[in-house]
C-alpha cells in the first residue's frame, strides 16, 4: 500500500485542500481530505469586530460554504448573547441552507 499526499491545491471554485490517497496499484483504498487547508487568519480578524461586521465576514469565509458559515456564526452569537432568533427567521435560514446545498453538491 502506498500513501500519496497532494496539496495544498486550489481547484478554482472550491477552497484550497490537502488530499492523501491510500492506494494499492490502481485501486484507491482511502482518501483523506482537508478542505480549507490554507491558514487565512480569520479567527484573529473576528476578535476586533462587532457582531454585524463579524456576520459579514462569516458569510465571506468560503465561497462554497457561505450559508453554512453564516448559520454557524448566527448560532454562536445566539449562544454567547443568550438570545434566540425568531422561528420565522430560522425558517428562512433553513431555506437558504437547502438552496445552497442543492446548488453546491454535484
Foldseek 3Di string as FASTA:
>chain_A
DDKDKDDQDDPPQWAGKIKIFDDDPPDTPDIDMDGPPDDDCLVVVVVPDDLVVNLVVQLVVIPLCNLVSSVVSVVVVCVVVVHDDDVVVVVVSVVVVVVSVVVNDD
